């Protein structure tokens, strides 16, 4: 599980874990917004699927 990768940071405080997860989520949202900007509505589901595939944790 990917949360196990955060165990070294838990000792520093819960806000560090929240910040790391928040940065990851914000990065995904920014990449998705940039990728779908100006795209045709019919093309957006394919673009969203491709961006989601880039951010998969496990392959």
PDB file of N, CA and C in Angstrom:
ATOM      1  N   UNK A   1       0.837  -1.179   0.000  1.00  0.00           N
ATOM      2  CA  UNK A   1       0.000   0.000   0.000  1.00  0.00           C
ATOM      3  C   UNK A   1       0.884   1.245   0.000  1.00  0.00           C
ATOM      4  N   UNK A   2       0.498   2.280  -0.758  1.00  0.00           N
ATOM      5  CA  UNK A   2       1.347   3.456  -0.903  1.00  0.00           C
ATOM      6  C   UNK A   2       1.446   4.274   0.366  1.00  0.00           C
ATOM      7  N   UNK A   3       0.506   4.107   1.284  1.00  0.00           N
ATOM      8  CA  UNK A   3       0.575   4.855   2.541  1.00  0.00           C
ATOM      9  C   UNK A   3       1.761   4.379   3.370  1.00  0.00           C
ATOM     10  N   UNK A   4       2.169   3.128   3.178  1.00  0.00           N
ATOM     11  CA  UNK A   4       3.330   2.612   3.899  1.00  0.00           C
ATOM     12  C   UNK A   4       4.585   3.392   3.530  1.00  0.00           C
ATOM     13  N   UNK A   5       4.625   3.975   2.350  1.00  0.00           N
ATOM     14  CA  UNK A   5       5.775   4.784   1.947  1.00  0.00           C
ATOM     15  C   UNK A   5       5.871   6.076   2.754  1.00  0.00           C
ATOM     16  N   UNK A   6       4.796   6.471   3.386  1.00  0.00           N
ATOM     17  CA  UNK A   6       4.770   7.719   4.154  1.00  0.00           C
ATOM     18  C   UNK A   6       5.136   7.523   5.624  1.00  0.00           C
ATOM     19  N   UNK A   7       5.390   6.278   6.041  1.00  0.00           N
ATOM     20  CA  UNK A   7       5.666   6.010   7.452  1.00  0.00           C
ATOM     21  C   UNK A   7       6.833   6.818   8.012  1.00  0.00           C
ATOM     22  N   UNK A   8       7.925   7.049   7.274  1.00  0.00           N
ATOM     23  CA  UNK A   8       8.998   7.872   7.851  1.00  0.00           C
ATOM     24  C   UNK A   8       8.565   9.307   8.167  1.00  0.00           C
ATOM     25  N   UNK A   9       7.557   9.807   7.462  1.00  0.00           N
ATOM     26  CA  UNK A   9       7.115  11.177   7.670  1.00  0.00           C
ATOM     27  C   UNK A   9       6.115  11.309   8.812  1.00  0.00           C
ATOM     28  N   UNK A  10       5.518  10.197   9.232  1.00  0.00           N
ATOM     29  CA  UNK A  10       4.496  10.256  10.273  1.00  0.00           C
ATOM     30  C   UNK A  10       5.096  10.757  11.588  1.00  0.00           C
ATOM     31  N   UNK A  11       6.351  10.426  11.831  1.00  0.00           N
ATOM     32  CA  UNK A  11       7.005  10.878  13.052  1.00  0.00           C
ATOM     33  C   UNK A  11       7.174  12.388  13.104  1.00  0.00           C
ATOM     34  N   UNK A  12       7.194  13.047  11.970  1.00  0.00           N
ATOM     35  CA  UNK A  12       7.370  14.500  11.943  1.00  0.00           C
ATOM     36  C   UNK A  12       6.073  15.246  12.207  1.00  0.00           C
ATOM     37  N   UNK A  13       4.967  14.574  12.079  1.00  0.00           N
ATOM     38  CA  UNK A  13       3.686  15.205  12.373  1.00  0.00           C
ATOM     39  C   UNK A  13       2.659  14.916  11.300  1.00  0.00           C
ATOM     40  N   UNK A  14       1.394  14.945  11.681  1.00  0.00           N
ATOM     41  CA  UNK A  14       0.340  14.621  10.715  1.00  0.00           C
ATOM     42  C   UNK A  14       0.185  15.652   9.608  1.00  0.00           C
ATOM     43  N   UNK A  15       0.571  16.899   9.859  1.00  0.00           N
ATOM     44  CA  UNK A  15       0.414  17.932   8.836  1.00  0.00           C
ATOM     45  C   UNK A  15       1.351  17.717   7.657  1.00  0.00           C
ATOM     46  N   UNK A  16       2.478  17.070   7.908  1.00  0.00           N
ATOM     47  CA  UNK A  16       3.401  16.761   6.810  1.00  0.00           C
ATOM     48  C   UNK A  16       2.762  15.745   5.871  1.00  0.00           C
ATOM     49  N   UNK A  17       2.118  14.746   6.436  1.00  0.00           N
ATOM     50  CA  UNK A  17       1.437  13.733   5.628  1.00  0.00           C
ATOM     51  C   UNK A  17       0.305  14.372   4.832  1.00  0.00           C
ATOM     52  N   UNK A  18      -0.454  15.237   5.464  1.00  0.00           N
ATOM     53  CA  UNK A  18      -1.548  15.931   4.780  1.00  0.00           C
ATOM     54  C   UNK A  18      -1.001  16.789   3.653  1.00  0.00           C
ATOM     55  N   UNK A  19       0.106  17.463   3.884  1.00  0.00           N
ATOM     56  CA  UNK A  19       0.706  18.312   2.855  1.00  0.00           C
ATOM     57  C   UNK A  19       1.205  17.490   1.668  1.00  0.00           C
ATOM     58  N   UNK A  20       1.832  16.361   1.937  1.00  0.00           N
ATOM     59  CA  UNK A  20       2.340  15.500   0.850  1.00  0.00           C
ATOM     60  C   UNK A  20       1.189  14.990   0.003  1.00  0.00           C
ATOM     61  N   UNK A  21       0.151  14.503   0.635  1.00  0.00           N
ATOM     62  CA  UNK A  21      -1.006  13.991  -0.105  1.00  0.00           C
ATOM     63  C   UNK A  21      -1.688  15.130  -0.862  1.00  0.00           C
ATOM     64  N   UNK A  22      -1.777  16.294  -0.253  1.00  0.00           N
ATOM     65  CA  UNK A  22      -2.384  17.446  -0.916  1.00  0.00           C
ATOM     66  C   UNK A  22      -1.620  17.883  -2.155  1.00  0.00           C
ATOM     67  N   UNK A  23      -0.301  17.847  -2.080  1.00  0.00           N
ATOM     68  CA  UNK A  23       0.521  18.208  -3.246  1.00  0.00           C
ATOM     69  C   UNK A  23       0.326  17.201  -4.368  1.00  0.00           C
ATOM     70  N   UNK A  24       0.249  15.918  -4.025  1.00  0.00           N
ATOM     71  CA  UNK A  24       0.038  14.887  -5.045  1.00  0.00           C
ATOM     72  C   UNK A  24      -1.311  15.067  -5.742  1.00  0.00           C
ATOM     73  N   UNK A  25      -2.341  15.311  -4.971  1.00  0.00           N
ATOM     74  CA  UNK A  25      -3.682  15.494  -5.540  1.00  0.00           C
ATOM     75  C   UNK A  25      -3.733  16.768  -6.380  1.00  0.00           C
ATOM     76  N   UNK A  26      -3.136  17.841  -5.885  1.00  0.00           N
ATOM     77  CA  UNK A  26      -3.125  19.097  -6.638  1.00  0.00           C
ATOM     78  C   UNK A  26      -2.384  18.928  -7.960  1.00  0.00           C
ATOM     79  N   UNK A  27      -1.293  18.187  -7.950  1.00  0.00           N
ATOM     80  CA  UNK A  27      -0.548  17.933  -9.185  1.00  0.00           C
ATOM     81  C   UNK A  27      -1.375  17.192 -10.210  1.00  0.00           C
ATOM     82  N   UNK A  28      -2.134  16.215  -9.749  1.00  0.00           N
ATOM     83  CA  UNK A  28      -3.000  15.464 -10.663  1.00  0.00           C
ATOM     84  C   UNK A  28      -4.081  16.364 -11.258  1.00  0.00           C
ATOM     85  N   UNK A  29      -4.675  17.198 -10.413  1.00  0.00           N
ATOM     86  CA  UNK A  29      -5.734  18.086 -10.892  1.00  0.00           C
ATOM     87  C   UNK A  29      -5.196  19.122 -11.880  1.00  0.00           C
ATOM     88  N   UNK A  30      -4.011  19.647 -11.617  1.00  0.00           N
ATOM     89  CA  UNK A  30      -3.420  20.621 -12.535  1.00  0.00           C
ATOM     90  C   UNK A  30      -3.094  19.967 -13.875  1.00  0.00           C
ATOM     91  N   UNK A  31      -2.530  18.760 -13.842  1.00  0.00           N
ATOM     92  CA  UNK A  31      -2.217  18.058 -15.090  1.00  0.00           C
ATOM     93  C   UNK A  31      -3.489  17.761 -15.878  1.00  0.00           C
ATOM     94  N   UNK A  32      -4.541  17.370 -15.193  1.00  0.00           N
ATOM     95  CA  UNK A  32      -5.812  17.083 -15.854  1.00  0.00           C
ATOM     96  C   UNK A  32      -6.413  18.349 -16.459  1.00  0.00           C
ATOM     97  N   UNK A  33      -6.350  19.452 -15.736  1.00  0.00           N
ATOM     98  CA  UNK A  33      -6.891  20.710 -16.249  1.00  0.00           C
ATOM     99  C   UNK A  33      -6.121  21.187 -17.481  1.00  0.00           C
ATOM    100  N   UNK A  34      -4.806  21.057 -17.446  1.00  0.00           N
ATOM    101  CA  UNK A  34      -4.002  21.470 -18.593  1.00  0.00           C
ATOM    102  C   UNK A  34      -4.245  20.579 -19.808  1.00  0.00           C
ATOM    103  N   UNK A  35      -4.425  19.290 -19.561  1.00  0.00           N
ATOM    104  CA  UNK A  35      -4.620  18.356 -20.666  1.00  0.00           C
ATOM    105  C   UNK A  35      -5.986  18.531 -21.328  1.00  0.00           C
ATOM    106  N   UNK A  36      -7.006  18.866 -20.557  1.00  0.00           N
ATOM    107  CA  UNK A  36      -8.352  18.974 -21.126  1.00  0.00           C
ATOM    108  C   UNK A  36      -8.696  20.392 -21.580  1.00  0.00           C
ATOM    109  N   UNK A  37      -7.822  21.337 -21.335  1.00  0.00           N
ATOM    110  CA  UNK A  37      -8.080  22.716 -21.739  1.00  0.00           C
ATOM    111  C   UNK A  37      -8.156  22.805 -23.263  1.00  0.00           C
ATOM    112  N   UNK A  38      -9.240  23.297 -23.770  1.00  0.00           N
ATOM    113  CA  UNK A  38      -9.419  23.479 -25.201  1.00  0.00           C
ATOM    114  C   UNK A  38      -9.777  22.218 -25.956  1.00  0.00           C
ATOM    115  N   UNK A  39     -10.000  21.123 -25.254  1.00  0.00           N
ATOM    116  CA  UNK A  39     -10.337  19.866 -25.920  1.00  0.00           C
ATOM    117  C   UNK A  39     -11.829  19.821 -26.240  1.00  0.00           C
ATOM    118  N   UNK A  40     -12.153  19.100 -27.264  1.00  0.00           N
ATOM    119  CA  UNK A  40     -13.557  18.896 -27.624  1.00  0.00           C
ATOM    120  C   UNK A  40     -14.227  18.053 -26.536  1.00  0.00           C
ATOM    121  N   UNK A  41     -15.488  18.289 -26.232  1.00  0.00           N
ATOM    122  CA  UNK A  41     -16.180  17.513 -25.200  1.00  0.00           C
ATOM    123  C   UNK A  41     -16.167  16.005 -25.474  1.00  0.00           C
ATOM    124  N   UNK A  42     -16.221  15.610 -26.735  1.00  0.00           N
ATOM    125  CA  UNK A  42     -16.229  14.174 -27.038  1.00  0.00           C
ATOM    126  C   UNK A  42     -14.864  13.532 -26.810  1.00  0.00           C
ATOM    127  N   UNK A  43     -13.789  14.331 -26.784  1.00  0.00           N
ATOM    128  CA  UNK A  43     -12.440  13.808 -26.585  1.00  0.00           C
ATOM    129  C   UNK A  43     -12.024  13.756 -25.123  1.00  0.00           C
ATOM    130  N   UNK A  44     -12.734  14.445 -24.261  1.00  0.00           N
ATOM    131  CA  UNK A  44     -12.326  14.554 -22.860  1.00  0.00           C
ATOM    132  C   UNK A  44     -12.270  13.220 -22.114  1.00  0.00           C
ATOM    133  N   UNK A  45     -13.228  12.292 -22.285  1.00  0.00           N
ATOM    134  CA  UNK A  45     -13.111  11.025 -21.555  1.00  0.00           C
ATOM    135  C   UNK A  45     -11.812  10.267 -21.885  1.00  0.00           C
ATOM    136  N   UNK A  46     -11.401  10.292 -23.128  1.00  0.00           N
ATOM    137  CA  UNK A  46     -10.153   9.629 -23.504  1.00  0.00           C
ATOM    138  C   UNK A  46      -8.934  10.311 -22.912  1.00  0.00           C
ATOM    139  N   UNK A  47      -8.962  11.637 -22.868  1.00  0.00           N
ATOM    140  CA  UNK A  47      -7.855  12.391 -22.283  1.00  0.00           C
ATOM    141  C   UNK A  47      -7.769  12.136 -20.788  1.00  0.00           C
ATOM    142  N   UNK A  48      -8.913  12.145 -20.124  1.00  0.00           N
ATOM    143  CA  UNK A  48      -8.942  11.891 -18.679  1.00  0.00           C
ATOM    144  C   UNK A  48      -8.406  10.497 -18.379  1.00  0.00           C
ATOM    145  N   UNK A  49      -8.776   9.516 -19.184  1.00  0.00           N
ATOM    146  CA  UNK A  49      -8.289   8.149 -18.987  1.00  0.00           C
ATOM    147  C   UNK A  49      -6.776   8.086 -19.170  1.00  0.00           C
ATOM    148  N   UNK A  50      -6.249   8.789 -20.172  1.00  0.00           N
ATOM    149  CA  UNK A  50      -4.801   8.785 -20.419  1.00  0.00           C
ATOM    150  C   UNK A  50      -4.034   9.450 -19.282  1.00  0.00           C
ATOM    151  N   UNK A  51      -4.554  10.571 -18.773  1.00  0.00           N
ATOM    152  CA  UNK A  51      -3.895  11.252 -17.657  1.00  0.00           C
ATOM    153  C   UNK A  51      -3.954  10.391 -16.406  1.00  0.00           C
ATOM    154  N   UNK A  52      -5.072   9.748 -16.170  1.00  0.00           N
ATOM    155  CA  UNK A  52      -5.190   8.862 -15.005  1.00  0.00           C
ATOM    156  C   UNK A  52      -4.200   7.710 -15.102  1.00  0.00           C
ATOM    157  N   UNK A  53      -3.975   7.217 -16.291  1.00  0.00           N
ATOM    158  CA  UNK A  53      -3.018   6.132 -16.491  1.00  0.00           C
ATOM    159  C   UNK A  53      -1.593   6.590 -16.161  1.00  0.00           C
ATOM    160  N   UNK A  54      -1.292   7.837 -16.429  1.00  0.00           N
ATOM    161  CA  UNK A  54       0.047   8.362 -16.100  1.00  0.00           C
ATOM    162  C   UNK A  54       0.305   8.375 -14.599  1.00  0.00           C
ATOM    163  N   UNK A  55      -0.745   8.590 -13.827  1.00  0.00           N
ATOM    164  CA  UNK A  55      -0.591   8.714 -12.377  1.00  0.00           C
ATOM    165  C   UNK A  55      -0.928   7.447 -11.603  1.00  0.00           C
ATOM    166  N   UNK A  56      -1.009   6.325 -12.271  1.00  0.00           N
ATOM    167  CA  UNK A  56      -1.280   5.074 -11.546  1.00  0.00           C
ATOM    168  C   UNK A  56      -0.105   4.747 -10.662  1.00  0.00           C
ATOM    169  N   UNK A  57      -0.399   4.288  -9.452  1.00  0.00           N
ATOM    170  CA  UNK A  57       0.659   3.939  -8.505  1.00  0.00           C
ATOM    171  C   UNK A  57       1.260   2.589  -8.821  1.00  0.00           C
ATOM    172  N   UNK A  58       0.425   1.667  -9.228  1.00  0.00           N
ATOM    173  CA  UNK A  58       0.896   0.308  -9.535  1.00  0.00           C
ATOM    174  C   UNK A  58       0.684   0.031 -10.991  1.00  0.00           C
ATOM    175  N   UNK A  59       1.581  -0.665 -11.576  1.00  0.00           N
ATOM    176  CA  UNK A  59       1.457  -1.030 -12.989  1.00  0.00           C
ATOM    177  C   UNK A  59       1.405  -2.520 -13.123  1.00  0.00           C
TER     178      UNK A  59
END
